[in-house]
Amino acid sequence: MISLSRSEIEALIDLPQAAIRIEEAYRAASLGHVNLPPVGHITFPQHNADCHIKYGHITGKPTFVIKIATGFPNNRDKGLQTGNGLVLVMSAENGQVEAVLHDEMVLTDIRTGLGGAIASRLLARKDSKRVLIVGSGQQARRQIEAHVALLTNTAAFEVWGRNAEQADKLVARLAPVCDIARAIDLEKAVRQADIIVTATGSTVPLIMSDWVNEGTHITAVGADAPGKQELDIALVRRADVLAVDLFAQCLDHGEVSHAAKEGLIAAQDLQEIGGLLSASTQARANAMQITIADLTGIAAQDIAMANSVLTAWSDKAT
């Protein structure tokens, strides 16, 4: 049995190569080739925390994956990491454990970042230059790193966070790899952005509809559990293209679920990322459209990341 630590796992990840595998996984999911049971979700209200259990199997593949990831944001005040977890890779032929990836949530963080960058690359205008990251935590960092890796034409990043000190630290950390600054005024930053990525744990809308200009693309990754919300429902209704990673999951607890429950949008208004990646036409019809990608995270991504790491480990071992 293979057992890898966080540091070993992170050293084996190549972002562009992992992105290729994630795109393949999105396509397979939209074609119905992935067994994706409902997400397991445990909340710990007294700690403002939760745990996600995601698992799945791609038809015909020799292994399946079970991923456990926790989020305890209050750990920051205790000097502990806010996310943790592991990934189990098991045989789909005999049920044996083939690998334990003690990733401490790094695989979830990176695959979420890559999913966001894939959506932005797919839906944003090709001349997009200014990227606004809303959030200043670990996922904000991963979104920036993934967008730098996959969107080579972007010129500048801004970071807005509710915790200004934390946002400043993120800017300082990533200044060597991209043109980046902290945004002081969220509304002003939204109005100036070509691409907006929301990566917070907010339970109330942060981005208002009337702040967003025509032609803007928004990738929303924070609403990955019931009760979370980052976008004004009027903005979701206003969007010309609404892309999701999985119909049922996003309608249940994703960013689009709030507008759907109000009757402002319906299931037929949504398109899956995998279907858009497979389509022969452009996902964006023109430069004036507002596009939104609602990403709740699916086990197909976790399978892709686990396989990417194990392939790299095998290649290194030989």
Protein backbone atom coordinates (compact mmCIF):
# COMPACT_ATOMS: atom_id res chain seq x y z
CA MET A 1 0.00 0.00 0.00
CA ILE A 2 1.22 3.47 -0.88
CA SER A 3 1.25 6.10 1.87
CA LEU A 4 2.21 9.69 1.06
CA SER A 5 2.50 12.78 3.26
CA ARG A 6 1.34 16.28 2.41
CA SER A 7 4.83 17.43 1.44
CA GLU A 8 5.37 14.38 -0.78
CA ILE A 9 1.98 14.91 -2.44
CA GLU A 10 2.49 18.61 -3.09
CA ALA A 11 5.90 17.95 -4.66
CA LEU A 12 4.27 15.58 -7.18
CA ILE A 13 1.61 18.04 -8.45
CA ASP A 14 2.02 19.75 -11.81
CA LEU A 15 -0.82 22.27 -12.15
CA PRO A 16 -1.28 22.22 -15.97
CA GLN A 17 -1.16 18.41 -16.06
CA ALA A 18 -3.58 18.11 -13.16
CA ALA A 19 -5.91 20.58 -14.93
CA ILE A 20 -6.04 18.30 -17.97
CA ARG A 21 -7.15 15.41 -15.77
CA ILE A 22 -9.77 17.56 -14.04
CA GLU A 23 -11.21 18.66 -17.39
CA GLU A 24 -11.42 14.99 -18.40
CA ALA A 25 -13.20 14.25 -15.11
CA TYR A 26 -15.70 17.07 -15.68
CA ARG A 27 -16.49 15.67 -19.13
CA ALA A 28 -16.91 12.14 -17.77
CA ALA A 29 -19.26 13.38 -15.02
CA SER A 30 -21.47 15.25 -17.48
CA LEU A 31 -21.64 12.18 -19.71
CA GLY A 32 -22.87 10.10 -16.75
CA HIS A 33 -19.70 8.02 -16.57
CA VAL A 34 -19.00 8.79 -12.91
CA ASN A 35 -20.84 7.28 -9.95
CA LEU A 36 -21.24 10.34 -7.70
CA PRO A 37 -23.31 9.63 -4.58
CA PRO A 38 -24.65 12.57 -2.56
CA VAL A 39 -22.06 14.48 -0.55
CA GLY A 40 -21.65 13.60 3.12
CA HIS A 41 -21.71 16.77 5.20
CA ILE A 42 -21.31 17.17 8.96
CA THR A 43 -21.57 20.59 10.62
CA PHE A 44 -20.13 21.70 13.96
CA PRO A 45 -22.00 24.98 14.64
CA GLN A 46 -20.29 25.59 17.97
CA HIS A 47 -16.97 25.79 16.12
CA ASN A 48 -18.25 27.40 12.87
CA ALA A 49 -16.87 24.29 11.19
CA ASP A 50 -17.78 21.44 8.89
CA CYS A 51 -16.61 18.20 7.32
CA HIS A 52 -17.19 17.06 3.73
CA ILE A 53 -17.06 13.45 2.58
CA LYS A 54 -16.98 13.02 -1.19
CA TYR A 55 -16.54 9.75 -3.02
CA GLY A 56 -16.95 8.33 -6.48
CA HIS A 57 -15.91 5.95 -9.21
CA ILE A 58 -15.34 6.52 -12.91
CA THR A 59 -16.88 3.68 -14.93
CA GLY A 60 -14.30 1.11 -15.99
CA LYS A 61 -11.48 2.47 -13.85
CA PRO A 62 -9.66 0.04 -11.50
CA THR A 63 -9.90 2.28 -8.42
CA PHE A 64 -12.37 4.48 -6.60
CA VAL A 65 -11.74 7.37 -4.21
CA ILE A 66 -13.08 8.50 -0.83
CA LYS A 67 -12.11 12.01 0.29
CA ILE A 68 -12.57 13.49 3.76
CA ALA A 69 -11.93 17.22 4.22
CA THR A 70 -12.57 19.38 7.27
CA GLY A 71 -12.81 23.13 7.62
CA PHE A 72 -12.33 24.65 11.10
CA PRO A 73 -11.70 28.37 10.49
CA ASN A 74 -11.46 29.14 14.22
CA ASN A 75 -8.28 27.05 14.30
CA ARG A 76 -6.45 30.11 13.02
CA ASP A 77 -6.78 31.64 16.49
CA LYS A 78 -5.34 28.48 18.04
CA GLY A 79 -2.29 28.32 15.79
CA LEU A 80 -3.67 25.25 13.99
CA GLN A 81 -4.31 24.77 10.27
CA THR A 82 -7.91 25.48 9.31
CA GLY A 83 -8.29 22.55 6.91
CA ASN A 84 -7.35 18.89 7.20
CA GLY A 85 -8.23 15.49 5.82
CA LEU A 86 -7.09 12.60 3.68
CA VAL A 87 -7.86 10.72 0.48
CA LEU A 88 -8.28 6.95 0.24
CA VAL A 89 -7.69 5.22 -3.10
CA MET A 90 -9.28 1.77 -3.14
CA SER A 91 -9.52 -1.06 -5.61
CA ALA A 92 -12.79 -1.28 -7.53
CA GLU A 93 -11.94 -4.92 -8.25
CA ASN A 94 -11.28 -6.33 -4.76
CA GLY A 95 -12.01 -3.50 -2.29
CA GLN A 96 -8.46 -3.30 -0.95
CA VAL A 97 -6.87 -0.01 0.07
CA GLU A 98 -4.24 0.84 -2.53
CA ALA A 99 -3.13 4.26 -1.28
CA VAL A 100 -3.60 6.60 1.66
CA LEU A 101 -2.88 10.19 0.72
CA HIS A 102 -2.38 12.15 3.95
CA ASP A 103 -2.84 15.41 2.09
CA GLU A 104 -4.16 17.50 5.01
CA MET A 105 -6.60 19.03 2.49
CA VAL A 106 -3.99 20.24 0.02
CA LEU A 107 -5.51 18.12 -2.78
CA THR A 108 -8.94 19.66 -2.15
CA ASP A 109 -7.45 23.16 -2.05
CA ILE A 110 -5.51 22.70 -5.29
CA ARG A 111 -8.26 20.94 -7.23
CA THR A 112 -10.73 23.66 -6.20
CA GLY A 113 -8.28 26.28 -7.41
CA LEU A 114 -7.82 24.45 -10.69
CA GLY A 115 -11.58 24.02 -11.11
CA GLY A 116 -11.97 27.77 -10.68
CA ALA A 117 -9.25 28.57 -13.20
CA ILE A 118 -10.68 26.07 -15.71
CA ALA A 119 -14.08 27.76 -15.42
CA SER A 120 -12.56 31.23 -15.82
CA ARG A 121 -10.54 30.14 -18.85
CA LEU A 122 -13.66 28.61 -20.38
CA LEU A 123 -16.08 31.47 -19.76
CA ALA A 124 -14.19 34.75 -19.37
CA ARG A 125 -13.57 37.10 -22.27
CA LYS A 126 -10.31 36.28 -24.03
CA ASP A 127 -9.07 39.85 -23.47
CA SER A 128 -9.65 39.70 -19.71
CA LYS A 129 -6.79 41.32 -17.81
CA ARG A 130 -7.93 42.22 -14.30
CA VAL A 131 -8.77 39.46 -11.82
CA LEU A 132 -10.37 40.21 -8.45
CA ILE A 133 -10.10 37.57 -5.75
CA VAL A 134 -12.70 37.96 -3.00
CA GLY A 135 -11.30 36.20 0.05
CA SER A 136 -7.90 36.03 1.71
CA GLY A 137 -7.60 32.48 3.00
CA GLN A 138 -5.97 29.34 1.71
CA GLN A 139 -8.43 28.97 -1.16
CA ALA A 140 -7.83 32.52 -2.32
CA ARG A 141 -4.13 31.64 -2.59
CA ARG A 142 -4.86 28.49 -4.59
CA GLN A 143 -7.19 30.35 -6.94
CA ILE A 144 -4.49 32.89 -7.72
CA GLU A 145 -1.83 30.22 -8.28
CA ALA A 146 -4.16 28.25 -10.59
CA HIS A 147 -5.23 31.33 -12.55
CA VAL A 148 -1.58 32.33 -13.01
CA ALA A 149 -0.81 28.81 -14.28
CA LEU A 150 -3.77 28.48 -16.67
CA LEU A 151 -4.68 32.04 -17.77
CA THR A 152 -1.46 33.36 -19.24
CA ASN A 153 -2.97 36.62 -20.58
CA THR A 154 -4.11 38.05 -17.22
CA ALA A 155 -2.15 41.13 -16.21
CA ALA A 156 -3.08 42.03 -12.65
CA PHE A 157 -4.70 40.56 -9.55
CA GLU A 158 -6.46 42.31 -6.69
CA VAL A 159 -7.35 40.70 -3.37
CA TRP A 160 -10.20 41.88 -1.16
CA GLY A 161 -10.70 40.27 2.23
CA ARG A 162 -12.79 40.98 5.28
CA ASN A 163 -9.56 40.54 7.25
CA ALA A 164 -7.27 43.27 5.90
CA GLU A 165 -4.18 41.97 7.70
CA GLN A 166 -4.66 38.52 6.24
CA ALA A 167 -5.22 39.98 2.77
CA ASP A 168 -1.96 41.95 3.07
CA LYS A 169 -0.10 38.77 3.99
CA LEU A 170 -1.52 36.96 0.96
CA VAL A 171 -0.49 39.80 -1.34
CA ALA A 172 3.03 39.77 0.08
CA ARG A 173 3.29 36.01 -0.32
CA LEU A 174 2.24 36.03 -3.98
CA ALA A 175 3.92 39.25 -5.09
CA PRO A 176 6.94 37.28 -6.46
CA VAL A 177 4.71 35.29 -8.87
CA CYS A 178 2.24 37.90 -10.19
CA ASP A 179 1.24 41.57 -10.28
CA ILE A 180 -0.96 41.75 -7.20
CA ALA A 181 -2.35 44.37 -4.81
CA ARG A 182 -4.93 44.59 -2.04
CA ALA A 183 -8.29 46.11 -2.94
CA ILE A 184 -9.60 48.55 -0.32
CA ASP A 185 -13.08 49.18 -1.74
CA LEU A 186 -14.91 46.01 -2.79
CA GLU A 187 -17.54 47.77 -4.94
CA LYS A 188 -14.89 49.73 -6.83
CA ALA A 189 -12.80 46.60 -7.36
CA VAL A 190 -15.83 44.67 -8.68
CA ARG A 191 -16.65 47.45 -11.15
CA GLN A 192 -13.07 47.38 -12.51
CA ALA A 193 -12.63 43.60 -12.73
CA ASP A 194 -12.89 41.43 -15.84
CA ILE A 195 -12.86 38.21 -13.79
CA ILE A 196 -14.12 37.89 -10.21
CA VAL A 197 -13.39 34.83 -8.09
CA THR A 198 -15.24 34.50 -4.79
CA ALA A 199 -13.58 32.17 -2.30
CA THR A 200 -15.07 32.86 1.13
CA GLY A 201 -17.23 31.08 3.67
CA SER A 202 -19.81 33.88 3.61
CA THR A 203 -23.45 33.23 4.43
CA VAL A 204 -24.62 36.59 3.05
CA PRO A 205 -24.16 38.11 -0.42
CA LEU A 206 -20.92 40.03 -0.89
CA ILE A 207 -21.22 40.93 -4.60
CA MET A 208 -24.24 43.03 -5.59
CA SER A 209 -25.78 42.84 -9.05
CA ASP A 210 -25.58 46.55 -9.84
CA TRP A 211 -21.81 46.54 -9.20
CA VAL A 212 -21.14 44.08 -12.01
CA ASN A 213 -20.51 45.36 -15.53
CA GLU A 214 -21.54 43.63 -18.72
CA GLY A 215 -18.85 41.28 -19.98
CA THR A 216 -17.72 40.23 -16.50
CA HIS A 217 -17.09 36.61 -15.59
CA ILE A 218 -17.57 35.34 -12.02
CA THR A 219 -16.29 32.06 -10.62
CA ALA A 220 -17.93 31.35 -7.25
CA VAL A 221 -16.43 28.56 -5.15
CA GLY A 222 -17.43 29.45 -1.59
CA ALA A 223 -21.00 28.09 -1.49
CA ASP A 224 -20.00 24.45 -1.02
CA ALA A 225 -22.42 23.70 1.82
CA PRO A 226 -25.99 24.61 2.82
CA GLY A 227 -26.39 28.17 4.05
CA LYS A 228 -23.38 29.64 2.27
CA GLN A 229 -23.83 32.46 -0.25
CA GLU A 230 -21.53 35.01 -1.91
CA LEU A 231 -23.60 36.51 -4.76
CA ASP A 232 -26.74 38.63 -4.85
CA ILE A 233 -29.57 36.45 -6.21
CA ALA A 234 -30.44 39.27 -8.62
CA LEU A 235 -26.96 38.86 -10.11
CA VAL A 236 -27.50 35.12 -10.57
CA ARG A 237 -30.82 35.82 -12.31
CA ARG A 238 -29.17 38.47 -14.49
CA ALA A 239 -26.38 36.20 -15.76
CA ASP A 240 -26.47 35.20 -19.43
CA VAL A 241 -24.60 31.95 -18.80
CA LEU A 242 -24.91 29.92 -15.59
CA ALA A 243 -22.43 27.05 -15.44
CA VAL A 244 -22.27 24.48 -12.63
CA ASP A 245 -20.06 21.51 -11.89
CA LEU A 246 -23.04 19.24 -11.10
CA PHE A 247 -26.73 20.06 -11.59
CA ALA A 248 -28.22 18.31 -8.56
CA GLN A 249 -25.48 19.34 -6.16
CA CYS A 250 -25.52 23.03 -7.09
CA LEU A 251 -29.31 23.23 -7.02
CA ASP A 252 -29.23 21.69 -3.55
CA HIS A 253 -26.62 23.86 -1.85
CA GLY A 254 -24.60 25.81 -4.42
CA GLU A 255 -24.61 29.51 -5.22
CA VAL A 256 -27.44 29.04 -7.74
CA SER A 257 -29.63 27.26 -5.18
CA HIS A 258 -30.73 30.53 -3.55
CA ALA A 259 -32.07 31.97 -6.81
CA ALA A 260 -33.63 28.62 -7.72
CA LYS A 261 -35.48 28.39 -4.40
CA GLU A 262 -36.88 31.88 -5.01
CA GLY A 263 -38.12 30.77 -8.44
CA LEU A 264 -35.82 33.21 -10.24
CA ILE A 265 -34.04 30.49 -12.24
CA ALA A 266 -34.80 26.89 -13.14
CA ALA A 267 -32.73 23.77 -13.76
CA GLN A 268 -32.95 24.32 -17.53
CA ASP A 269 -31.13 27.64 -17.12
CA LEU A 270 -27.97 25.80 -16.03
CA GLN A 271 -25.21 24.15 -18.02
CA GLU A 272 -22.61 21.78 -16.65
CA ILE A 273 -18.92 22.62 -17.02
CA GLY A 274 -18.27 19.17 -18.48
CA GLY A 275 -20.85 19.72 -21.21
CA LEU A 276 -19.44 23.13 -22.06
CA LEU A 277 -15.93 21.67 -22.27
CA SER A 278 -17.20 19.03 -24.70
CA ALA A 279 -19.23 21.43 -26.86
CA SER A 280 -18.03 22.43 -30.32
CA THR A 281 -19.19 26.04 -29.81
CA GLN A 282 -17.79 28.74 -27.52
CA ALA A 283 -19.27 28.81 -24.01
CA ARG A 284 -19.51 32.62 -24.22
CA ALA A 285 -21.54 33.92 -27.17
CA ASN A 286 -20.30 37.52 -27.06
CA ALA A 287 -18.15 39.96 -25.11
CA MET A 288 -21.11 41.62 -23.37
CA GLN A 289 -22.44 38.57 -21.59
CA ILE A 290 -22.23 38.14 -17.83
CA THR A 291 -21.14 34.59 -17.06
CA ILE A 292 -21.15 32.80 -13.71
CA ALA A 293 -19.63 29.45 -12.76
CA ASP A 294 -20.95 27.92 -9.54
CA LEU A 295 -18.52 25.27 -8.30
CA THR A 296 -19.43 23.13 -5.31
CA GLY A 297 -16.64 20.60 -5.90
CA ILE A 298 -17.27 17.07 -7.09
CA ALA A 299 -15.63 13.74 -6.35
CA ALA A 300 -14.61 13.41 -9.99
CA GLN A 301 -12.05 16.16 -9.30
CA ASP A 302 -10.76 14.26 -6.27
CA ILE A 303 -10.37 11.14 -8.39
CA ALA A 304 -8.46 13.15 -10.99
CA MET A 305 -6.11 14.64 -8.40
CA ALA A 306 -5.45 11.30 -6.70
CA ASN A 307 -4.69 9.64 -10.03
CA SER A 308 -2.44 12.53 -11.06
CA VAL A 309 -0.40 12.20 -7.86
CA LEU A 310 -0.15 8.41 -8.05
CA THR A 311 0.90 8.52 -11.71
CA ALA A 312 3.63 11.05 -10.87
CA TRP A 313 4.73 8.90 -7.89
CA SER A 314 4.90 5.79 -10.10
CA ASP A 315 6.88 7.64 -12.79
CA LYS A 316 9.30 8.93 -10.16
CA ALA A 317 9.70 5.49 -8.61
CA THR A 318 10.67 3.97 -11.94
